[in-house]
Amino acid sequence: MRRFDFEFKVGMFVAIGIAIFISMIFSIGSFRSFEQRYSLILRFNFVNGIQVAAPVRLAGVRVGEVNAIDIVLDKENQKTAVDLTIVLNKKAKVEKDAEVFINTLGLIGEKYVEIMPGTAGNETLKPGQTLVGKDSVPVEKVTEKAYETIVDLKKLTGSANVVMDKVKAGEGTVGKLFMEDALYKELEDFVKDLKAHPWKLLQKPRGEK
């Protein structure tokens, strides 16, 4: 009888322990569902590969995450768009004129949603309302633009080299001025004469009344 009581107590203790452990797992898994949170919809034309569960930051502070990503038809502009449903902490208020865009940690890091606060005192968005975001620039476009800039710089450098070569060769008025000693000496003497006799600038040429 005593053995049965002992085994019964051990079994009850183990069962209670398992029940507590299971309840802790469910509590951790559903903890966020008990938080005071609300959702907003962010509309973009291009989301640059962002994924569900990506962080959402307000003024640099994490306040939520991306809950869903849906491709929709923008009826106003009659084109395909992407809606991000984000879930935010209830304390995180987003003004109607806030700016939102998709950012990256580093050059190839994690994608996240960045919300820049709007005007102080402005009306805030209510749960379920939509805010239009600013589209990020694809890396391919940045690379293409950088390549075009490099090509333009090479062309500009080439043109400058051609001009300098002509100057060195004494071609053109500027080239002759710098490369022909006689012209340069005459100009130098003329400037020295004006410095010594500035009144000559006011003297009328002969024959002029």
N, C-alpha and C. Protein backbone atom coordinates (compact mmCIF):
# COMPACT_ATOMS: atom_id res chain seq x y z
N MET A 1 0.83 -1.21 0.00
CA MET A 1 0.00 0.00 0.00
C MET A 1 0.86 1.26 0.00
N ARG A 2 1.92 1.19 0.85
CA ARG A 2 2.81 2.35 0.91
C ARG A 2 3.52 2.54 -0.44
N ARG A 3 3.87 1.41 -1.07
CA ARG A 3 4.54 1.50 -2.38
C ARG A 3 3.61 2.15 -3.41
N PHE A 4 2.33 1.79 -3.34
CA PHE A 4 1.36 2.37 -4.26
C PHE A 4 1.22 3.88 -4.02
N ASP A 5 1.17 4.29 -2.78
CA ASP A 5 1.07 5.71 -2.45
C ASP A 5 2.29 6.48 -2.94
N PHE A 6 3.44 5.86 -2.78
CA PHE A 6 4.68 6.52 -3.24
C PHE A 6 4.68 6.69 -4.75
N GLU A 7 4.31 5.63 -5.47
CA GLU A 7 4.28 5.69 -6.93
C GLU A 7 3.21 6.69 -7.41
N PHE A 8 2.10 6.71 -6.68
CA PHE A 8 1.04 7.66 -7.05
C PHE A 8 1.51 9.10 -6.89
N LYS A 9 2.21 9.38 -5.81
CA LYS A 9 2.71 10.73 -5.55
C LYS A 9 3.76 11.12 -6.60
N VAL A 10 4.63 10.18 -6.92
CA VAL A 10 5.65 10.46 -7.95
C VAL A 10 4.98 10.72 -9.28
N GLY A 11 3.97 9.91 -9.64
CA GLY A 11 3.26 10.10 -10.90
C GLY A 11 2.56 11.44 -10.96
N MET A 12 1.92 11.84 -9.85
CA MET A 12 1.25 13.14 -9.79
C MET A 12 2.26 14.28 -9.94
N PHE A 13 3.40 14.11 -9.30
CA PHE A 13 4.45 15.15 -9.37
C PHE A 13 4.96 15.30 -10.79
N VAL A 14 5.18 14.18 -11.47
CA VAL A 14 5.66 14.20 -12.85
C VAL A 14 4.60 14.81 -13.77
N ALA A 15 3.32 14.42 -13.55
CA ALA A 15 2.24 14.94 -14.38
C ALA A 15 2.09 16.45 -14.23
N ILE A 16 2.19 16.92 -12.99
CA ILE A 16 2.10 18.37 -12.74
C ILE A 16 3.26 19.10 -13.40
N GLY A 17 4.46 18.49 -13.31
CA GLY A 17 5.64 19.10 -13.94
C GLY A 17 5.49 19.21 -15.44
N ILE A 18 4.97 18.12 -16.05
CA ILE A 18 4.76 18.14 -17.50
C ILE A 18 3.72 19.18 -17.88
N ALA A 19 2.66 19.27 -17.09
CA ALA A 19 1.60 20.25 -17.37
C ALA A 19 2.14 21.68 -17.30
N ILE A 20 2.96 21.93 -16.29
CA ILE A 20 3.56 23.27 -16.15
C ILE A 20 4.48 23.56 -17.34
N PHE A 21 5.27 22.57 -17.74
CA PHE A 21 6.20 22.74 -18.85
C PHE A 21 5.44 23.05 -20.15
N ILE A 22 4.37 22.30 -20.42
CA ILE A 22 3.57 22.50 -21.63
C ILE A 22 2.92 23.88 -21.61
N SER A 23 2.40 24.27 -20.46
CA SER A 23 1.75 25.58 -20.36
C SER A 23 2.75 26.71 -20.58
N MET A 24 3.99 26.51 -20.13
CA MET A 24 5.04 27.52 -20.36
C MET A 24 5.35 27.65 -21.84
N ILE A 25 5.40 26.53 -22.55
CA ILE A 25 5.67 26.56 -23.99
C ILE A 25 4.58 27.31 -24.72
N PHE A 26 3.33 27.00 -24.39
CA PHE A 26 2.22 27.69 -25.05
C PHE A 26 2.18 29.16 -24.67
N SER A 27 2.56 29.47 -23.44
CA SER A 27 2.57 30.87 -23.01
C SER A 27 3.60 31.68 -23.77
N ILE A 28 4.79 31.06 -23.96
CA ILE A 28 5.84 31.75 -24.70
C ILE A 28 5.44 31.91 -26.16
N GLY A 29 4.83 30.87 -26.74
CA GLY A 29 4.44 30.91 -28.14
C GLY A 29 3.36 31.91 -28.42
N SER A 30 2.45 32.10 -27.46
CA SER A 30 1.32 33.01 -27.68
C SER A 30 1.44 34.30 -26.91
N PHE A 31 2.65 34.57 -26.41
CA PHE A 31 2.84 35.78 -25.59
C PHE A 31 2.48 37.04 -26.35
N ARG A 32 2.88 37.07 -27.61
CA ARG A 32 2.63 38.26 -28.39
C ARG A 32 1.15 38.50 -28.66
N SER A 33 0.39 37.41 -28.66
CA SER A 33 -1.04 37.57 -28.91
C SER A 33 -1.74 38.29 -27.77
N PHE A 34 -1.12 38.29 -26.59
CA PHE A 34 -1.70 38.97 -25.43
C PHE A 34 -1.20 40.41 -25.32
N GLU A 35 -0.21 40.78 -26.11
CA GLU A 35 0.27 42.15 -26.09
C GLU A 35 -0.77 43.08 -26.69
N GLN A 36 -0.73 44.32 -26.27
CA GLN A 36 -1.60 45.32 -26.86
C GLN A 36 -0.96 45.79 -28.16
N ARG A 37 -1.48 45.29 -29.27
CA ARG A 37 -0.91 45.59 -30.58
C ARG A 37 -2.01 45.94 -31.56
N TYR A 38 -1.61 46.58 -32.65
CA TYR A 38 -2.56 46.90 -33.72
C TYR A 38 -1.85 46.81 -35.06
N SER A 39 -2.60 46.76 -36.14
CA SER A 39 -2.00 46.57 -37.46
C SER A 39 -2.26 47.77 -38.37
N LEU A 40 -1.32 47.99 -39.28
CA LEU A 40 -1.44 48.99 -40.33
C LEU A 40 -1.07 48.33 -41.65
N ILE A 41 -1.45 48.96 -42.74
CA ILE A 41 -1.09 48.47 -44.07
C ILE A 41 -0.18 49.49 -44.75
N LEU A 42 0.93 49.02 -45.25
CA LEU A 42 1.88 49.87 -45.97
C LEU A 42 1.87 49.44 -47.43
N ARG A 43 1.67 50.41 -48.32
CA ARG A 43 1.58 50.08 -49.75
C ARG A 43 2.84 50.56 -50.47
N PHE A 44 3.42 49.65 -51.26
CA PHE A 44 4.63 49.93 -52.03
C PHE A 44 4.45 49.45 -53.47
N ASN A 45 5.24 50.02 -54.36
CA ASN A 45 5.35 49.49 -55.72
C ASN A 45 6.47 48.46 -55.81
N PHE A 46 7.43 48.57 -54.89
CA PHE A 46 8.60 47.69 -54.91
C PHE A 46 9.06 47.49 -53.47
N VAL A 47 9.15 46.23 -53.02
CA VAL A 47 9.48 45.96 -51.62
C VAL A 47 10.89 45.40 -51.44
N ASN A 48 11.64 45.26 -52.53
CA ASN A 48 13.07 44.94 -52.45
C ASN A 48 13.38 43.66 -51.67
N GLY A 49 12.49 42.64 -51.80
CA GLY A 49 12.79 41.34 -51.21
C GLY A 49 12.55 41.20 -49.73
N ILE A 50 11.78 42.10 -49.12
CA ILE A 50 11.52 42.00 -47.69
C ILE A 50 10.66 40.76 -47.41
N GLN A 51 10.82 40.17 -46.22
CA GLN A 51 10.14 38.94 -45.87
C GLN A 51 9.21 39.13 -44.67
N VAL A 52 8.27 38.18 -44.52
CA VAL A 52 7.41 38.17 -43.34
C VAL A 52 8.28 38.02 -42.09
N ALA A 53 7.88 38.68 -41.01
CA ALA A 53 8.60 38.70 -39.72
C ALA A 53 9.78 39.67 -39.73
N ALA A 54 9.96 40.43 -40.82
CA ALA A 54 11.00 41.45 -40.85
C ALA A 54 10.68 42.54 -39.82
N PRO A 55 11.69 43.11 -39.17
CA PRO A 55 11.46 44.12 -38.14
C PRO A 55 10.84 45.40 -38.72
N VAL A 56 10.08 46.08 -37.87
CA VAL A 56 9.55 47.40 -38.19
C VAL A 56 10.07 48.37 -37.14
N ARG A 57 10.71 49.45 -37.59
CA ARG A 57 11.28 50.42 -36.66
C ARG A 57 10.61 51.77 -36.83
N LEU A 58 10.39 52.41 -35.71
CA LEU A 58 9.84 53.77 -35.69
C LEU A 58 10.88 54.68 -35.07
N ALA A 59 11.39 55.63 -35.86
CA ALA A 59 12.46 56.53 -35.40
C ALA A 59 13.66 55.73 -34.89
N GLY A 60 13.94 54.59 -35.55
CA GLY A 60 15.11 53.79 -35.20
C GLY A 60 14.88 52.77 -34.10
N VAL A 61 13.67 52.74 -33.52
CA VAL A 61 13.37 51.81 -32.42
C VAL A 61 12.44 50.72 -32.93
N ARG A 62 12.76 49.46 -32.64
CA ARG A 62 11.90 48.37 -33.09
C ARG A 62 10.58 48.39 -32.33
N VAL A 63 9.48 48.46 -33.08
CA VAL A 63 8.15 48.54 -32.46
C VAL A 63 7.19 47.47 -32.99
N GLY A 64 7.66 46.64 -33.92
CA GLY A 64 6.77 45.63 -34.47
C GLY A 64 7.44 44.81 -35.55
N GLU A 65 6.62 44.17 -36.38
CA GLU A 65 7.16 43.33 -37.44
C GLU A 65 6.17 43.22 -38.59
N VAL A 66 6.67 42.73 -39.72
CA VAL A 66 5.81 42.50 -40.89
C VAL A 66 5.04 41.20 -40.67
N ASN A 67 3.73 41.28 -40.76
CA ASN A 67 2.88 40.12 -40.47
C ASN A 67 2.43 39.40 -41.74
N ALA A 68 2.28 40.14 -42.85
CA ALA A 68 1.82 39.53 -44.10
C ALA A 68 2.25 40.39 -45.28
N ILE A 69 2.41 39.73 -46.44
CA ILE A 69 2.77 40.41 -47.69
C ILE A 69 1.79 39.96 -48.77
N ASP A 70 1.11 40.92 -49.40
CA ASP A 70 0.10 40.58 -50.41
C ASP A 70 0.28 41.44 -51.66
N ILE A 71 0.16 40.80 -52.82
CA ILE A 71 0.15 41.51 -54.09
C ILE A 71 -1.29 41.93 -54.40
N VAL A 72 -1.49 43.21 -54.63
CA VAL A 72 -2.85 43.72 -54.83
C VAL A 72 -2.90 44.60 -56.08
N LEU A 73 -4.11 44.98 -56.46
CA LEU A 73 -4.31 45.91 -57.56
C LEU A 73 -4.61 47.28 -56.98
N ASP A 74 -3.74 48.23 -57.27
CA ASP A 74 -3.96 49.61 -56.85
C ASP A 74 -5.01 50.22 -57.78
N LYS A 75 -6.25 50.30 -57.31
CA LYS A 75 -7.35 50.75 -58.16
C LYS A 75 -7.20 52.22 -58.55
N GLU A 76 -6.60 53.01 -57.68
CA GLU A 76 -6.43 54.43 -57.98
C GLU A 76 -5.48 54.65 -59.15
N ASN A 77 -4.38 53.92 -59.16
CA ASN A 77 -3.38 54.07 -60.22
C ASN A 77 -3.47 52.97 -61.28
N GLN A 78 -4.39 52.01 -61.07
CA GLN A 78 -4.59 50.92 -62.02
C GLN A 78 -3.29 50.18 -62.34
N LYS A 79 -2.61 49.75 -61.29
CA LYS A 79 -1.40 48.96 -61.48
C LYS A 79 -1.16 48.07 -60.26
N THR A 80 -0.29 47.10 -60.44
CA THR A 80 0.01 46.16 -59.37
C THR A 80 0.83 46.84 -58.27
N ALA A 81 0.47 46.53 -57.03
CA ALA A 81 1.20 47.07 -55.89
C ALA A 81 1.37 45.96 -54.85
N VAL A 82 2.11 46.26 -53.79
CA VAL A 82 2.35 45.29 -52.73
C VAL A 82 1.94 45.91 -51.40
N ASP A 83 1.11 45.19 -50.66
CA ASP A 83 0.68 45.64 -49.33
C ASP A 83 1.42 44.85 -48.26
N LEU A 84 2.06 45.56 -47.35
CA LEU A 84 2.67 44.93 -46.17
C LEU A 84 1.76 45.19 -44.98
N THR A 85 1.30 44.13 -44.36
CA THR A 85 0.54 44.28 -43.12
C THR A 85 1.53 44.21 -41.97
N ILE A 86 1.62 45.29 -41.21
CA ILE A 86 2.56 45.33 -40.09
C ILE A 86 1.79 45.36 -38.78
N VAL A 87 2.38 44.76 -37.77
CA VAL A 87 1.79 44.75 -36.43
C VAL A 87 2.69 45.55 -35.51
N LEU A 88 2.11 46.54 -34.84
CA LEU A 88 2.88 47.46 -34.02
C LEU A 88 2.43 47.43 -32.57
N ASN A 89 3.37 47.80 -31.71
CA ASN A 89 3.04 47.99 -30.30
C ASN A 89 2.01 49.11 -30.18
N LYS A 90 1.06 48.96 -29.28
CA LYS A 90 -0.01 49.94 -29.13
C LYS A 90 0.52 51.34 -28.82
N LYS A 91 1.67 51.41 -28.18
CA LYS A 91 2.25 52.70 -27.81
C LYS A 91 2.88 53.41 -29.01
N ALA A 92 3.14 52.68 -30.08
CA ALA A 92 3.79 53.25 -31.26
C ALA A 92 2.73 53.93 -32.14
N LYS A 93 2.69 55.24 -32.11
CA LYS A 93 1.73 56.00 -32.89
C LYS A 93 2.40 56.49 -34.18
N VAL A 94 1.69 56.34 -35.30
CA VAL A 94 2.23 56.73 -36.60
C VAL A 94 1.37 57.84 -37.19
N GLU A 95 1.99 59.01 -37.42
CA GLU A 95 1.25 60.13 -38.00
C GLU A 95 0.90 59.86 -39.46
N LYS A 96 -0.16 60.52 -39.92
CA LYS A 96 -0.60 60.32 -41.31
C LYS A 96 0.42 60.82 -42.32
N ASP A 97 1.26 61.78 -41.93
CA ASP A 97 2.26 62.29 -42.86
C ASP A 97 3.65 61.69 -42.59
N ALA A 98 3.67 60.58 -41.86
CA ALA A 98 4.95 59.90 -41.61
C ALA A 98 5.50 59.34 -42.92
N GLU A 99 6.83 59.23 -43.00
CA GLU A 99 7.48 58.66 -44.17
C GLU A 99 7.91 57.23 -43.84
N VAL A 100 7.61 56.32 -44.75
CA VAL A 100 7.97 54.92 -44.52
C VAL A 100 8.67 54.36 -45.74
N PHE A 101 9.72 53.60 -45.52
CA PHE A 101 10.48 53.01 -46.61
C PHE A 101 11.16 51.74 -46.12
N ILE A 102 11.62 50.94 -47.06
CA ILE A 102 12.32 49.70 -46.74
C ILE A 102 13.81 49.96 -46.75
N ASN A 103 14.46 49.63 -45.65
CA ASN A 103 15.88 49.89 -45.50
C ASN A 103 16.64 48.57 -45.36
N THR A 104 17.95 48.66 -45.39
CA THR A 104 18.80 47.48 -45.28
C THR A 104 19.90 47.72 -44.27
N LEU A 105 20.15 46.74 -43.41
CA LEU A 105 21.26 46.83 -42.48
C LEU A 105 22.56 46.56 -43.24
N GLY A 106 23.31 47.62 -43.53
CA GLY A 106 24.49 47.46 -44.36
C GLY A 106 24.11 47.35 -45.82
N LEU A 107 25.04 46.93 -46.66
CA LEU A 107 24.79 46.83 -48.09
C LEU A 107 23.97 45.60 -48.45
N ILE A 108 24.22 44.48 -47.79
CA ILE A 108 23.52 43.24 -48.13
C ILE A 108 22.94 42.59 -46.88
N GLY A 109 22.59 43.42 -45.89
CA GLY A 109 22.09 42.89 -44.63
C GLY A 109 20.59 42.65 -44.64
N GLU A 110 20.02 42.53 -43.46
CA GLU A 110 18.60 42.23 -43.29
C GLU A 110 17.74 43.41 -43.73
N LYS A 111 16.66 43.11 -44.43
CA LYS A 111 15.70 44.13 -44.84
C LYS A 111 14.73 44.40 -43.69
N TYR A 112 14.38 45.67 -43.51
CA TYR A 112 13.42 46.02 -42.47
C TYR A 112 12.65 47.27 -42.89
N VAL A 113 11.53 47.51 -42.21
CA VAL A 113 10.70 48.68 -42.50
C VAL A 113 11.09 49.81 -41.54
N GLU A 114 11.37 50.97 -42.11
CA GLU A 114 11.73 52.14 -41.31
C GLU A 114 10.62 53.18 -41.44
N ILE A 115 10.13 53.65 -40.30
CA ILE A 115 9.09 54.69 -40.27
C ILE A 115 9.69 55.93 -39.63
N MET A 116 9.69 57.02 -40.39
CA MET A 116 10.16 58.30 -39.86
C MET A 116 8.94 59.09 -39.37
N PRO A 117 8.94 59.53 -38.13
CA PRO A 117 7.78 60.23 -37.57
C PRO A 117 7.39 61.44 -38.40
N GLY A 118 6.08 61.71 -38.42
CA GLY A 118 5.56 62.86 -39.16
C GLY A 118 5.56 64.11 -38.31
N THR A 119 4.70 65.05 -38.68
CA THR A 119 4.62 66.33 -37.99
C THR A 119 4.04 66.15 -36.59
N ALA A 120 4.66 66.81 -35.62
CA ALA A 120 4.16 66.72 -34.25
C ALA A 120 2.75 67.29 -34.16
N GLY A 121 1.88 66.57 -33.46
CA GLY A 121 0.51 67.03 -33.30
C GLY A 121 -0.41 66.65 -34.43
N ASN A 122 0.15 66.05 -35.49
CA ASN A 122 -0.69 65.65 -36.62
C ASN A 122 -1.52 64.42 -36.26
N GLU A 123 -2.61 64.21 -36.97
CA GLU A 123 -3.49 63.08 -36.71
C GLU A 123 -2.76 61.76 -36.98
N THR A 124 -2.98 60.80 -36.09
CA THR A 124 -2.31 59.50 -36.25
C THR A 124 -3.23 58.50 -36.96
N LEU A 125 -2.59 57.49 -37.54
CA LEU A 125 -3.34 56.46 -38.26
C LEU A 125 -4.08 55.55 -37.28
N LYS A 126 -5.26 55.13 -37.69
CA LYS A 126 -6.05 54.21 -36.89
C LYS A 126 -5.79 52.78 -37.36
N PRO A 127 -6.05 51.80 -36.49
CA PRO A 127 -5.82 50.39 -36.88
C PRO A 127 -6.49 50.04 -38.20
N GLY A 128 -5.72 49.39 -39.08
CA GLY A 128 -6.25 48.96 -40.36
C GLY A 128 -6.11 49.96 -41.49
N GLN A 129 -5.70 51.20 -41.18
CA GLN A 129 -5.56 52.21 -42.23
C GLN A 129 -4.29 51.98 -43.04
N THR A 130 -4.26 52.60 -44.22
CA THR A 130 -3.15 52.39 -45.17
C THR A 130 -2.26 53.62 -45.27
N LEU A 131 -0.96 53.39 -45.32
CA LEU A 131 0.03 54.45 -45.51
C LEU A 131 0.88 54.09 -46.72
N VAL A 132 1.00 55.01 -47.67
CA VAL A 132 1.78 54.77 -48.88
C VAL A 132 3.26 55.01 -48.59
N GLY A 133 4.08 54.02 -48.90
CA GLY A 133 5.51 54.12 -48.62
C GLY A 133 6.30 54.62 -49.81
N LYS A 134 7.54 54.98 -49.54
CA LYS A 134 8.47 55.41 -50.59
C LYS A 134 9.25 54.20 -51.08
N ASP A 135 9.24 54.00 -52.40
CA ASP A 135 9.91 52.84 -52.97
C ASP A 135 11.43 52.98 -52.88
N SER A 136 12.08 51.90 -52.48
CA SER A 136 13.54 51.89 -52.44
C SER A 136 14.08 51.66 -53.85
N VAL A 137 15.34 52.01 -54.04
CA VAL A 137 15.97 51.87 -55.35
C VAL A 137 16.66 50.50 -55.43
N PRO A 138 16.37 49.69 -56.44
CA PRO A 138 17.04 48.39 -56.57
C PRO A 138 18.55 48.54 -56.69
N VAL A 139 19.27 47.58 -56.15
CA VAL A 139 20.74 47.61 -56.21
C VAL A 139 21.22 47.67 -57.65
N GLU A 140 20.48 47.01 -58.56
CA GLU A 140 20.87 46.99 -59.97
C GLU A 140 20.86 48.42 -60.55
N LYS A 141 19.86 49.21 -60.14
CA LYS A 141 19.78 50.58 -60.63
C LYS A 141 20.93 51.43 -60.11
N VAL A 142 21.28 51.22 -58.84
CA VAL A 142 22.40 51.96 -58.25
C VAL A 142 23.69 51.62 -58.97
N THR A 143 23.90 50.32 -59.23
CA THR A 143 25.10 49.88 -59.93
C THR A 143 25.16 50.46 -61.35
N GLU A 144 24.00 50.45 -62.03
CA GLU A 144 23.94 50.99 -63.39
C GLU A 144 24.26 52.48 -63.41
N LYS A 145 23.71 53.22 -62.44
CA LYS A 145 23.95 54.66 -62.37
C LYS A 145 25.42 54.95 -62.08
N ALA A 146 26.01 54.17 -61.19
CA ALA A 146 27.43 54.35 -60.88
C ALA A 146 28.29 54.10 -62.10
N TYR A 147 27.93 53.08 -62.89
CA TYR A 147 28.69 52.77 -64.10
C TYR A 147 28.58 53.92 -65.11
N GLU A 148 27.37 54.48 -65.26
CA GLU A 148 27.19 55.61 -66.18
C GLU A 148 28.01 56.81 -65.74
N THR A 149 28.08 57.05 -64.43
CA THR A 149 28.87 58.16 -63.91
C THR A 149 30.35 57.97 -64.20
N ILE A 150 30.83 56.73 -64.04
CA ILE A 150 32.24 56.44 -64.32
C ILE A 150 32.55 56.67 -65.79
N VAL A 151 31.63 56.25 -66.67
CA VAL A 151 31.83 56.44 -68.11
C VAL A 151 31.89 57.93 -68.44
N ASP A 152 30.97 58.73 -67.84
CA ASP A 152 30.96 60.18 -68.09
C ASP A 152 32.25 60.83 -67.60
N LEU A 153 32.75 60.38 -66.45
CA LEU A 153 34.00 60.93 -65.92
C LEU A 153 35.17 60.61 -66.83
N LYS A 154 35.15 59.40 -67.39
CA LYS A 154 36.23 59.02 -68.32
C LYS A 154 36.19 59.90 -69.57
N LYS A 155 34.97 60.17 -70.07
CA LYS A 155 34.84 61.03 -71.24
C LYS A 155 35.33 62.44 -70.93
N LEU A 156 34.95 62.96 -69.74
CA LEU A 156 35.36 64.30 -69.34
C LEU A 156 36.87 64.39 -69.19
N THR A 157 37.44 63.34 -68.59
CA THR A 157 38.90 63.30 -68.42
C THR A 157 39.60 63.26 -69.77
N GLY A 158 39.03 62.48 -70.70
CA GLY A 158 39.61 62.39 -72.03
C GLY A 158 39.57 63.73 -72.75
N SER A 159 38.45 64.46 -72.63
CA SER A 159 38.34 65.77 -73.26
C SER A 159 39.34 66.75 -72.66
N ALA A 160 39.49 66.70 -71.33
CA ALA A 160 40.45 67.59 -70.67
C ALA A 160 41.87 67.29 -71.13
N ASN A 161 42.18 66.02 -71.30
CA ASN A 161 43.52 65.64 -71.77
C ASN A 161 43.78 66.15 -73.18
N VAL A 162 42.75 66.10 -74.04
CA VAL A 162 42.89 66.60 -75.42
C VAL A 162 43.18 68.09 -75.40
N VAL A 163 42.43 68.84 -74.56
CA VAL A 163 42.64 70.29 -74.47
C VAL A 163 44.05 70.60 -73.98
N MET A 164 44.50 69.88 -72.95
CA MET A 164 45.83 70.13 -72.41
C MET A 164 46.91 69.79 -73.44
N ASP A 165 46.68 68.75 -74.21
CA ASP A 165 47.65 68.39 -75.25
C ASP A 165 47.76 69.50 -76.30
N LYS A 166 46.60 70.11 -76.65
CA LYS A 166 46.62 71.20 -77.62
C LYS A 166 47.32 72.43 -77.06
N VAL A 167 47.08 72.68 -75.76
CA VAL A 167 47.75 73.82 -75.13
C VAL A 167 49.25 73.61 -75.13
N LYS A 168 49.65 72.38 -74.78
CA LYS A 168 51.09 72.08 -74.76
C LYS A 168 51.69 72.18 -76.15
N ALA A 169 50.91 71.86 -77.17
CA ALA A 169 51.41 71.92 -78.54
C ALA A 169 51.36 73.33 -79.11
N GLY A 170 50.82 74.27 -78.33
CA GLY A 170 50.76 75.65 -78.79
C GLY A 170 49.63 75.93 -79.74
N GLU A 171 48.61 75.07 -79.77
CA GLU A 171 47.48 75.27 -80.67
C GLU A 171 46.46 76.19 -80.02
N GLY A 172 45.82 77.05 -80.83
CA GLY A 172 44.80 77.95 -80.31
C GLY A 172 45.42 79.15 -79.64
N THR A 173 44.56 80.13 -79.31
CA THR A 173 45.04 81.38 -78.70
C THR A 173 45.67 81.12 -77.35
N VAL A 174 45.00 80.33 -76.51
CA VAL A 174 45.54 80.04 -75.19
C VAL A 174 46.84 79.27 -75.29
N GLY A 175 46.88 78.32 -76.20
CA GLY A 175 48.10 77.55 -76.37
C GLY A 175 49.27 78.41 -76.81
N LYS A 176 49.02 79.31 -77.75
CA LYS A 176 50.09 80.20 -78.21
C LYS A 176 50.54 81.14 -77.12
N LEU A 177 49.55 81.59 -76.31
CA LEU A 177 49.87 82.53 -75.23
C LEU A 177 50.82 81.89 -74.23
N PHE A 178 50.58 80.62 -73.93
CA PHE A 178 51.41 79.97 -72.92
C PHE A 178 52.69 79.39 -73.49
N MET A 179 52.66 79.01 -74.77
CA MET A 179 53.79 78.28 -75.32
C MET A 179 54.76 79.16 -76.11
N GLU A 180 54.31 80.32 -76.63
CA GLU A 180 55.21 81.20 -77.39
C GLU A 180 55.78 82.25 -76.46
N ASP A 181 57.08 82.23 -76.30
CA ASP A 181 57.76 83.13 -75.36
C ASP A 181 57.55 84.59 -75.71
N ALA A 182 57.51 84.94 -77.00
CA ALA A 182 57.40 86.34 -77.42
C ALA A 182 56.06 86.92 -76.97
N LEU A 183 54.98 86.20 -77.25
CA LEU A 183 53.66 86.69 -76.85
C LEU A 183 53.54 86.79 -75.34
N TYR A 184 54.07 85.80 -74.65
CA TYR A 184 54.01 85.81 -73.19
C TYR A 184 54.79 86.98 -72.63
N LYS A 185 55.97 87.28 -73.25
CA LYS A 185 56.81 88.39 -72.77
C LYS A 185 56.12 89.72 -73.01
N GLU A 186 55.44 89.86 -74.17
CA GLU A 186 54.73 91.11 -74.45
C GLU A 186 53.59 91.33 -73.46
N LEU A 187 52.88 90.29 -73.15
CA LEU A 187 51.78 90.41 -72.20
C LEU A 187 52.31 90.75 -70.82
N GLU A 188 53.41 90.13 -70.44
CA GLU A 188 54.01 90.41 -69.13
C GLU A 188 54.47 91.86 -69.05
N ASP A 189 55.11 92.37 -70.11
CA ASP A 189 55.56 93.77 -70.12
C ASP A 189 54.38 94.74 -70.07
N PHE A 190 53.28 94.36 -70.78
CA PHE A 190 52.09 95.21 -70.79
C PHE A 190 51.49 95.33 -69.39
N VAL A 191 51.41 94.22 -68.70
CA VAL A 191 50.86 94.22 -67.34
C VAL A 191 51.76 95.02 -66.41
N LYS A 192 53.08 94.88 -66.52
CA LYS A 192 54.01 95.64 -65.68
C LYS A 192 53.89 97.14 -65.94
N ASP A 193 53.72 97.50 -67.21
CA ASP A 193 53.59 98.92 -67.56
C ASP A 193 52.33 99.52 -66.95
N LEU A 194 51.23 98.75 -66.98
CA LEU A 194 49.97 99.24 -66.40
C LEU A 194 50.08 99.40 -64.89
N LYS A 195 50.80 98.50 -64.25
CA LYS A 195 50.99 98.61 -62.80
C LYS A 195 51.80 99.85 -62.45
N ALA A 196 52.80 100.15 -63.30
CA ALA A 196 53.64 101.31 -63.04
C ALA A 196 52.96 102.62 -63.43
N HIS A 197 52.11 102.60 -64.46
CA HIS A 197 51.42 103.80 -64.94
C HIS A 197 49.93 103.53 -65.11
N PRO A 198 49.20 103.35 -64.03
CA PRO A 198 47.77 103.03 -64.13
C PRO A 198 46.95 104.12 -64.79
N TRP A 199 47.50 105.39 -64.83
CA TRP A 199 46.75 106.49 -65.44
C TRP A 199 46.55 106.28 -66.94
N LYS A 200 47.34 105.38 -67.54
CA LYS A 200 47.21 105.13 -68.97
C LYS A 200 45.85 104.51 -69.33
N LEU A 201 45.22 103.86 -68.32
CA LEU A 201 43.91 103.28 -68.56
C LEU A 201 42.86 104.35 -68.86
N LEU A 202 43.09 105.59 -68.35
CA LEU A 202 42.16 106.68 -68.56
C LEU A 202 42.51 107.53 -69.77
N GLN A 203 43.66 107.28 -70.36
CA GLN A 203 44.12 108.07 -71.51
C GLN A 203 43.39 107.63 -72.77
N LYS A 204 42.84 108.60 -73.53
CA LYS A 204 42.15 108.30 -74.76
C LYS A 204 43.15 108.02 -75.88
N PRO A 205 42.82 107.08 -76.73
CA PRO A 205 43.70 106.80 -77.87
C PRO A 205 43.79 108.01 -78.79
N ARG A 206 44.86 108.12 -79.53
CA ARG A 206 45.04 109.24 -80.46
C ARG A 206 43.97 109.20 -81.57
N GLY A 207 43.52 110.40 -81.90
CA GLY A 207 42.51 110.51 -82.96
C GLY A 207 41.10 110.44 -82.40
N GLU A 208 40.93 110.07 -81.10
CA GLU A 208 39.60 109.99 -80.50
C GLU A 208 39.31 111.26 -79.75
N LYS A 209 38.19 111.88 -80.00
CA LYS A 209 37.83 113.16 -79.35
C LYS A 209 37.05 112.90 -78.07
